[in-house]
Amino acid sequence: MPPPSDHPCLHLQAVDVPFYTVKYDPADGVPPWVSERLVQNSKQFFSVTKTYDEISVAFEDFEGVPDISKAEEWRAIKIAGPMEFGEHLVGVVSEFTEALKKAKIGVYVVSTWNTDWILIPAAKFQEAQVALKSDGWRFKE
């Protein structure tokens, strides 16, 4: 489905650098490298979510990254944002992922207060952009 409006906050930005995701058991605690990375003054994407069942870390590649040889490589598409919570922006992620669903492209979504980051398998990154453009989504140049 096309975006719910043509508002600039819904334009997309392709972030064509490696991203990775890893998962840890919460019983083992937060790995030291995660805690260290959180307090570093870096402008790179780094997201940690802890639930009852897991600690998930999604991050942009960085120098000194721990051994993640088994991790899948992703690329990111950022919805420009900032988006305000409210009735006029309901279903943004649902509408965004509909075009990718039709193209059979799986995603990993990270939502923040201001926006959403959609991680796409690296091998499907170009295909995802084509599918979204065909569906009416606009990319920032």
N, C-alpha and C. Protein backbone atom coordinates (compact mmCIF):
# COMPACT_ATOMS: atom_id res chain seq x y z
N MET A 1 0.84 -1.18 0.00
CA MET A 1 0.00 0.00 0.00
C MET A 1 0.89 1.24 0.00
N PRO A 2 0.47 2.26 -0.70
CA PRO A 2 1.26 3.50 -0.70
C PRO A 2 1.21 4.15 0.68
N PRO A 3 2.10 5.12 0.91
CA PRO A 3 2.11 5.78 2.21
C PRO A 3 0.78 6.45 2.49
N PRO A 4 0.43 6.60 3.78
CA PRO A 4 -0.86 7.20 4.11
C PRO A 4 -0.96 8.67 3.73
N SER A 5 0.17 9.32 3.49
CA SER A 5 0.17 10.71 3.02
C SER A 5 1.51 10.98 2.36
N ASP A 6 1.61 12.13 1.70
CA ASP A 6 2.87 12.50 1.05
C ASP A 6 3.69 13.42 1.95
N HIS A 7 3.42 13.39 3.22
CA HIS A 7 4.14 14.25 4.16
C HIS A 7 5.63 13.89 4.15
N PRO A 8 6.53 14.88 4.19
CA PRO A 8 7.97 14.60 4.18
C PRO A 8 8.44 13.66 5.29
N CYS A 9 7.71 13.59 6.40
CA CYS A 9 8.13 12.69 7.48
C CYS A 9 8.02 11.23 7.06
N LEU A 10 7.30 10.96 5.97
CA LEU A 10 7.13 9.59 5.49
C LEU A 10 8.04 9.26 4.31
N HIS A 11 8.88 10.19 3.91
CA HIS A 11 9.85 9.87 2.86
C HIS A 11 10.89 8.93 3.44
N LEU A 12 11.55 8.20 2.57
CA LEU A 12 12.47 7.15 3.00
C LEU A 12 13.91 7.52 2.73
N GLN A 13 14.78 6.98 3.56
CA GLN A 13 16.22 7.15 3.37
C GLN A 13 16.85 5.76 3.36
N ALA A 14 17.52 5.43 2.25
CA ALA A 14 18.23 4.16 2.15
C ALA A 14 19.58 4.31 2.85
N VAL A 15 19.88 3.40 3.75
CA VAL A 15 21.15 3.42 4.48
C VAL A 15 21.91 2.16 4.05
N ASP A 16 22.77 2.34 3.05
CA ASP A 16 23.43 1.21 2.40
C ASP A 16 24.79 0.91 3.04
N VAL A 17 24.75 0.56 4.31
CA VAL A 17 25.93 0.09 5.04
C VAL A 17 25.52 -1.17 5.79
N PRO A 18 26.47 -2.02 6.17
CA PRO A 18 26.09 -3.25 6.86
C PRO A 18 25.48 -3.01 8.25
N PHE A 19 24.41 -3.72 8.51
CA PHE A 19 23.77 -3.79 9.82
C PHE A 19 23.74 -5.26 10.21
N TYR A 20 23.69 -5.52 11.51
CA TYR A 20 23.61 -6.90 12.00
C TYR A 20 22.62 -6.97 13.13
N THR A 21 22.12 -8.17 13.39
CA THR A 21 21.26 -8.42 14.54
C THR A 21 21.79 -9.65 15.26
N VAL A 22 21.79 -9.59 16.57
CA VAL A 22 22.18 -10.73 17.39
C VAL A 22 21.21 -10.85 18.55
N LYS A 23 21.10 -12.06 19.09
CA LYS A 23 20.17 -12.32 20.18
C LYS A 23 20.92 -13.03 21.31
N TYR A 24 20.58 -12.65 22.54
CA TYR A 24 21.19 -13.25 23.72
C TYR A 24 20.11 -13.69 24.70
N ASP A 25 20.45 -14.63 25.54
CA ASP A 25 19.56 -15.10 26.60
C ASP A 25 19.63 -14.10 27.75
N PRO A 26 18.50 -13.58 28.23
CA PRO A 26 18.55 -12.59 29.31
C PRO A 26 19.12 -13.16 30.61
N ALA A 27 19.06 -14.46 30.77
CA ALA A 27 19.63 -15.08 31.98
C ALA A 27 21.14 -14.90 32.02
N ASP A 28 21.75 -14.69 30.85
CA ASP A 28 23.20 -14.49 30.78
C ASP A 28 23.60 -13.04 30.99
N GLY A 29 22.63 -12.15 31.06
CA GLY A 29 22.91 -10.73 31.25
C GLY A 29 23.30 -10.05 29.94
N VAL A 30 23.46 -8.76 30.03
CA VAL A 30 23.85 -7.97 28.87
C VAL A 30 25.34 -8.17 28.63
N PRO A 31 25.72 -8.58 27.42
CA PRO A 31 27.15 -8.77 27.14
C PRO A 31 27.93 -7.46 27.32
N PRO A 32 29.15 -7.54 27.83
CA PRO A 32 29.94 -6.32 28.08
C PRO A 32 30.07 -5.42 26.85
N TRP A 33 30.24 -5.99 25.67
CA TRP A 33 30.42 -5.15 24.48
C TRP A 33 29.19 -4.30 24.22
N VAL A 34 28.00 -4.81 24.57
CA VAL A 34 26.76 -4.05 24.36
C VAL A 34 26.73 -2.85 25.30
N SER A 35 27.02 -3.09 26.57
CA SER A 35 27.04 -1.99 27.54
C SER A 35 28.07 -0.93 27.15
N GLU A 36 29.24 -1.38 26.73
CA GLU A 36 30.30 -0.45 26.34
C GLU A 36 29.88 0.39 25.13
N ARG A 37 29.25 -0.26 24.17
CA ARG A 37 28.84 0.45 22.95
C ARG A 37 27.76 1.49 23.26
N LEU A 38 26.87 1.18 24.19
CA LEU A 38 25.80 2.11 24.53
C LEU A 38 26.31 3.43 25.09
N VAL A 39 27.41 3.39 25.80
CA VAL A 39 27.91 4.62 26.42
C VAL A 39 28.92 5.36 25.55
N GLN A 40 29.31 4.77 24.44
CA GLN A 40 30.23 5.46 23.54
C GLN A 40 29.51 6.58 22.81
N ASN A 41 30.23 7.62 22.51
CA ASN A 41 29.66 8.76 21.80
C ASN A 41 29.78 8.50 20.30
N SER A 42 28.86 7.70 19.79
CA SER A 42 28.86 7.34 18.38
C SER A 42 27.55 7.77 17.75
N LYS A 43 27.60 8.18 16.51
CA LYS A 43 26.39 8.57 15.80
C LYS A 43 25.80 7.40 15.01
N GLN A 44 26.38 6.22 15.17
CA GLN A 44 25.89 5.06 14.43
C GLN A 44 24.66 4.46 15.11
N PHE A 45 23.87 3.77 14.30
CA PHE A 45 22.67 3.09 14.77
C PHE A 45 23.05 1.95 15.72
N PHE A 46 22.41 1.90 16.88
CA PHE A 46 22.65 0.83 17.85
C PHE A 46 21.40 0.73 18.71
N SER A 47 20.70 -0.40 18.65
CA SER A 47 19.45 -0.56 19.37
C SER A 47 19.49 -1.84 20.20
N VAL A 48 19.08 -1.73 21.46
CA VAL A 48 19.01 -2.88 22.35
C VAL A 48 17.60 -2.98 22.90
N THR A 49 17.03 -4.17 22.83
CA THR A 49 15.71 -4.42 23.39
C THR A 49 15.81 -5.65 24.29
N LYS A 50 15.35 -5.50 25.53
CA LYS A 50 15.35 -6.63 26.46
C LYS A 50 13.90 -6.96 26.79
N THR A 51 13.54 -8.22 26.60
CA THR A 51 12.21 -8.70 26.95
C THR A 51 12.38 -9.84 27.97
N TYR A 52 11.28 -10.48 28.29
CA TYR A 52 11.34 -11.62 29.20
C TYR A 52 12.15 -12.77 28.61
N ASP A 53 12.15 -12.86 27.28
CA ASP A 53 12.72 -14.03 26.61
C ASP A 53 14.05 -13.81 25.92
N GLU A 54 14.43 -12.56 25.70
CA GLU A 54 15.64 -12.33 24.91
C GLU A 54 16.19 -10.92 25.10
N ILE A 55 17.43 -10.79 24.71
CA ILE A 55 18.05 -9.48 24.53
C ILE A 55 18.41 -9.42 23.05
N SER A 56 17.79 -8.50 22.33
CA SER A 56 18.05 -8.35 20.89
C SER A 56 18.86 -7.09 20.67
N VAL A 57 19.88 -7.21 19.83
CA VAL A 57 20.73 -6.07 19.52
C VAL A 57 20.76 -5.93 18.00
N ALA A 58 20.42 -4.75 17.52
CA ALA A 58 20.50 -4.44 16.08
C ALA A 58 21.45 -3.26 15.97
N PHE A 59 22.41 -3.36 15.05
CA PHE A 59 23.43 -2.31 15.01
C PHE A 59 24.08 -2.19 13.65
N GLU A 60 24.56 -0.98 13.42
CA GLU A 60 25.36 -0.67 12.24
C GLU A 60 26.77 -1.18 12.49
N ASP A 61 27.38 -1.72 11.45
CA ASP A 61 28.74 -2.25 11.57
C ASP A 61 29.68 -1.19 12.14
N PHE A 62 30.60 -1.60 12.99
CA PHE A 62 31.56 -0.67 13.56
C PHE A 62 32.89 -1.37 13.79
N GLU A 63 33.93 -0.55 13.86
CA GLU A 63 35.27 -1.09 14.10
C GLU A 63 35.31 -1.72 15.49
N GLY A 64 35.78 -2.95 15.57
CA GLY A 64 35.86 -3.64 16.84
C GLY A 64 34.62 -4.45 17.17
N VAL A 65 33.73 -4.59 16.20
CA VAL A 65 32.52 -5.39 16.43
C VAL A 65 32.94 -6.81 16.84
N PRO A 66 32.23 -7.41 17.80
CA PRO A 66 32.59 -8.77 18.22
C PRO A 66 32.33 -9.77 17.10
N ASP A 67 32.78 -10.99 17.30
CA ASP A 67 32.59 -12.03 16.29
C ASP A 67 31.10 -12.27 16.05
N ILE A 68 30.65 -11.92 14.89
CA ILE A 68 29.24 -12.13 14.52
C ILE A 68 29.18 -12.91 13.22
N SER A 69 30.11 -13.81 13.04
CA SER A 69 30.24 -14.52 11.77
C SER A 69 28.97 -15.26 11.37
N LYS A 70 28.12 -15.60 12.33
CA LYS A 70 26.89 -16.31 12.01
C LYS A 70 25.70 -15.37 11.84
N ALA A 71 25.92 -14.09 12.02
CA ALA A 71 24.84 -13.11 11.92
C ALA A 71 24.55 -12.78 10.46
N GLU A 72 23.27 -12.61 10.17
CA GLU A 72 22.87 -12.21 8.82
C GLU A 72 23.17 -10.73 8.62
N GLU A 73 23.60 -10.39 7.41
CA GLU A 73 23.87 -8.99 7.10
C GLU A 73 22.61 -8.33 6.56
N TRP A 74 22.34 -7.14 7.04
CA TRP A 74 21.16 -6.36 6.66
C TRP A 74 21.60 -5.01 6.12
N ARG A 75 20.66 -4.32 5.47
CA ARG A 75 20.77 -2.91 5.14
C ARG A 75 19.52 -2.25 5.75
N ALA A 76 19.48 -0.93 5.78
CA ALA A 76 18.36 -0.27 6.45
C ALA A 76 17.65 0.72 5.54
N ILE A 77 16.37 0.84 5.78
CA ILE A 77 15.57 1.92 5.21
C ILE A 77 14.95 2.64 6.40
N LYS A 78 15.24 3.93 6.49
CA LYS A 78 14.72 4.74 7.59
C LYS A 78 13.56 5.57 7.08
N ILE A 79 12.45 5.53 7.80
CA ILE A 79 11.36 6.45 7.52
C ILE A 79 11.78 7.79 8.11
N ALA A 80 11.74 8.85 7.31
CA ALA A 80 12.38 10.12 7.66
C ALA A 80 12.03 10.61 9.07
N GLY A 81 10.74 10.64 9.39
CA GLY A 81 10.35 11.15 10.70
C GLY A 81 10.69 12.62 10.84
N PRO A 82 10.55 13.21 12.01
CA PRO A 82 9.90 12.55 13.13
C PRO A 82 8.39 12.45 12.89
N MET A 83 7.85 11.38 13.40
CA MET A 83 6.41 11.13 13.26
C MET A 83 5.76 11.30 14.62
N GLU A 84 4.68 12.03 14.65
CA GLU A 84 3.95 12.21 15.90
C GLU A 84 2.93 11.09 16.04
N PHE A 85 2.75 10.65 17.27
CA PHE A 85 1.71 9.65 17.52
C PHE A 85 0.36 10.32 17.31
N GLY A 86 -0.54 9.64 16.66
CA GLY A 86 -1.85 10.21 16.44
C GLY A 86 -2.59 9.47 15.36
N GLU A 87 -3.82 9.83 15.18
CA GLU A 87 -4.70 9.12 14.26
C GLU A 87 -4.26 9.21 12.80
N HIS A 88 -3.63 10.31 12.38
CA HIS A 88 -3.30 10.48 10.97
C HIS A 88 -2.11 9.63 10.53
N LEU A 89 -1.37 9.04 11.45
CA LEU A 89 -0.23 8.21 11.06
C LEU A 89 -0.37 6.77 11.54
N VAL A 90 -1.58 6.32 11.68
CA VAL A 90 -1.84 4.94 12.09
C VAL A 90 -1.54 3.99 10.93
N GLY A 91 -0.84 2.91 11.19
CA GLY A 91 -0.61 1.88 10.18
C GLY A 91 0.55 2.12 9.25
N VAL A 92 1.46 3.01 9.59
CA VAL A 92 2.58 3.32 8.69
C VAL A 92 3.42 2.08 8.42
N VAL A 93 3.82 1.38 9.47
CA VAL A 93 4.66 0.19 9.28
C VAL A 93 3.89 -0.88 8.51
N SER A 94 2.62 -1.03 8.80
CA SER A 94 1.80 -2.01 8.10
C SER A 94 1.75 -1.71 6.60
N GLU A 95 1.51 -0.45 6.26
CA GLU A 95 1.44 -0.08 4.85
C GLU A 95 2.81 -0.18 4.18
N PHE A 96 3.85 0.18 4.90
CA PHE A 96 5.21 0.10 4.37
C PHE A 96 5.57 -1.35 4.05
N THR A 97 5.29 -2.23 4.98
CA THR A 97 5.71 -3.63 4.79
C THR A 97 4.82 -4.40 3.82
N GLU A 98 3.66 -3.87 3.48
CA GLU A 98 2.78 -4.56 2.53
C GLU A 98 3.46 -4.75 1.18
N ALA A 99 4.12 -3.72 0.69
CA ALA A 99 4.83 -3.83 -0.60
C ALA A 99 5.95 -4.85 -0.52
N LEU A 100 6.60 -4.91 0.62
CA LEU A 100 7.69 -5.88 0.79
C LEU A 100 7.15 -7.30 0.94
N LYS A 101 5.99 -7.41 1.56
CA LYS A 101 5.34 -8.72 1.68
C LYS A 101 5.02 -9.27 0.28
N LYS A 102 4.47 -8.42 -0.56
CA LYS A 102 4.14 -8.84 -1.93
C LYS A 102 5.39 -9.26 -2.69
N ALA A 103 6.52 -8.64 -2.40
CA ALA A 103 7.78 -8.97 -3.06
C ALA A 103 8.51 -10.12 -2.35
N LYS A 104 7.88 -10.66 -1.31
CA LYS A 104 8.44 -11.77 -0.53
C LYS A 104 9.79 -11.41 0.11
N ILE A 105 9.83 -10.21 0.70
CA ILE A 105 11.04 -9.73 1.37
C ILE A 105 10.73 -9.60 2.86
N GLY A 106 11.43 -10.39 3.67
CA GLY A 106 11.27 -10.32 5.12
C GLY A 106 11.96 -9.09 5.68
N VAL A 107 11.51 -8.64 6.83
CA VAL A 107 12.07 -7.44 7.44
C VAL A 107 12.27 -7.63 8.94
N TYR A 108 13.07 -6.76 9.51
CA TYR A 108 13.29 -6.66 10.95
C TYR A 108 13.06 -5.19 11.27
N VAL A 109 12.02 -4.88 12.02
CA VAL A 109 11.64 -3.48 12.26
C VAL A 109 12.10 -3.04 13.65
N VAL A 110 12.72 -1.88 13.70
CA VAL A 110 13.09 -1.25 14.96
C VAL A 110 12.36 0.09 15.01
N SER A 111 11.48 0.24 15.99
CA SER A 111 10.75 1.49 16.15
C SER A 111 11.35 2.31 17.27
N THR A 112 11.45 3.61 17.02
CA THR A 112 11.92 4.54 18.05
C THR A 112 10.82 5.57 18.30
N TRP A 113 11.08 6.48 19.19
CA TRP A 113 10.09 7.52 19.48
C TRP A 113 9.79 8.33 18.22
N ASN A 114 10.82 8.68 17.45
CA ASN A 114 10.67 9.57 16.30
C ASN A 114 10.30 8.88 15.00
N THR A 115 10.72 7.63 14.82
CA THR A 115 10.58 7.02 13.50
C THR A 115 10.70 5.51 13.56
N ASP A 116 10.79 4.91 12.40
CA ASP A 116 10.98 3.46 12.28
C ASP A 116 12.15 3.19 11.35
N TRP A 117 12.91 2.18 11.69
CA TRP A 117 14.01 1.69 10.86
C TRP A 117 13.62 0.29 10.43
N ILE A 118 13.67 0.03 9.14
CA ILE A 118 13.32 -1.28 8.62
C ILE A 118 14.59 -1.90 8.06
N LEU A 119 15.02 -2.99 8.70
CA LEU A 119 16.20 -3.69 8.23
C LEU A 119 15.77 -4.71 7.19
N ILE A 120 16.49 -4.74 6.08
CA ILE A 120 16.20 -5.58 4.92
C ILE A 120 17.41 -6.50 4.72
N PRO A 121 17.20 -7.80 4.44
CA PRO A 121 18.36 -8.64 4.13
C PRO A 121 19.19 -7.99 3.02
N ALA A 122 20.50 -7.94 3.21
CA ALA A 122 21.39 -7.24 2.28
C ALA A 122 21.18 -7.69 0.84
N ALA A 123 20.97 -8.98 0.63
CA ALA A 123 20.80 -9.51 -0.73
C ALA A 123 19.52 -9.02 -1.39
N LYS A 124 18.57 -8.50 -0.62
CA LYS A 124 17.28 -8.05 -1.16
C LYS A 124 17.12 -6.52 -1.11
N PHE A 125 18.18 -5.81 -0.76
CA PHE A 125 18.08 -4.37 -0.54
C PHE A 125 17.62 -3.60 -1.78
N GLN A 126 18.24 -3.84 -2.91
CA GLN A 126 17.86 -3.13 -4.14
C GLN A 126 16.44 -3.50 -4.55
N GLU A 127 16.11 -4.78 -4.45
CA GLU A 127 14.77 -5.25 -4.79
C GLU A 127 13.72 -4.58 -3.90
N ALA A 128 14.03 -4.40 -2.63
CA ALA A 128 13.10 -3.74 -1.71
C ALA A 128 12.85 -2.30 -2.11
N GLN A 129 13.90 -1.60 -2.51
CA GLN A 129 13.73 -0.20 -2.93
C GLN A 129 12.86 -0.10 -4.17
N VAL A 130 13.05 -1.00 -5.11
CA VAL A 130 12.22 -1.02 -6.33
C VAL A 130 10.76 -1.26 -5.96
N ALA A 131 10.52 -2.23 -5.08
CA ALA A 131 9.14 -2.56 -4.67
C ALA A 131 8.48 -1.37 -3.99
N LEU A 132 9.21 -0.68 -3.14
CA LEU A 132 8.64 0.46 -2.43
C LEU A 132 8.38 1.64 -3.36
N LYS A 133 9.31 1.92 -4.26
CA LYS A 133 9.10 3.00 -5.24
C LYS A 133 7.89 2.70 -6.12
N SER A 134 7.76 1.45 -6.54
CA SER A 134 6.62 1.05 -7.37
C SER A 134 5.30 1.21 -6.63
N ASP A 135 5.37 1.15 -5.31
CA ASP A 135 4.17 1.26 -4.48
C ASP A 135 3.85 2.71 -4.11
N GLY A 136 4.69 3.66 -4.54
CA GLY A 136 4.41 5.07 -4.28
C GLY A 136 5.21 5.71 -3.16
N TRP A 137 6.12 4.96 -2.54
CA TRP A 137 6.97 5.53 -1.50
C TRP A 137 8.08 6.34 -2.15
N ARG A 138 8.46 7.44 -1.51
CA ARG A 138 9.51 8.31 -2.05
C ARG A 138 10.78 8.20 -1.22
N PHE A 139 11.90 8.14 -1.91
CA PHE A 139 13.20 8.10 -1.25
C PHE A 139 13.83 9.48 -1.32
N LYS A 140 14.44 9.90 -0.22
CA LYS A 140 15.23 11.13 -0.21
C LYS A 140 16.49 10.86 -0.99
N GLU A 141 16.91 11.82 -1.77
CA GLU A 141 18.14 11.65 -2.56
C GLU A 141 19.34 12.03 -1.76
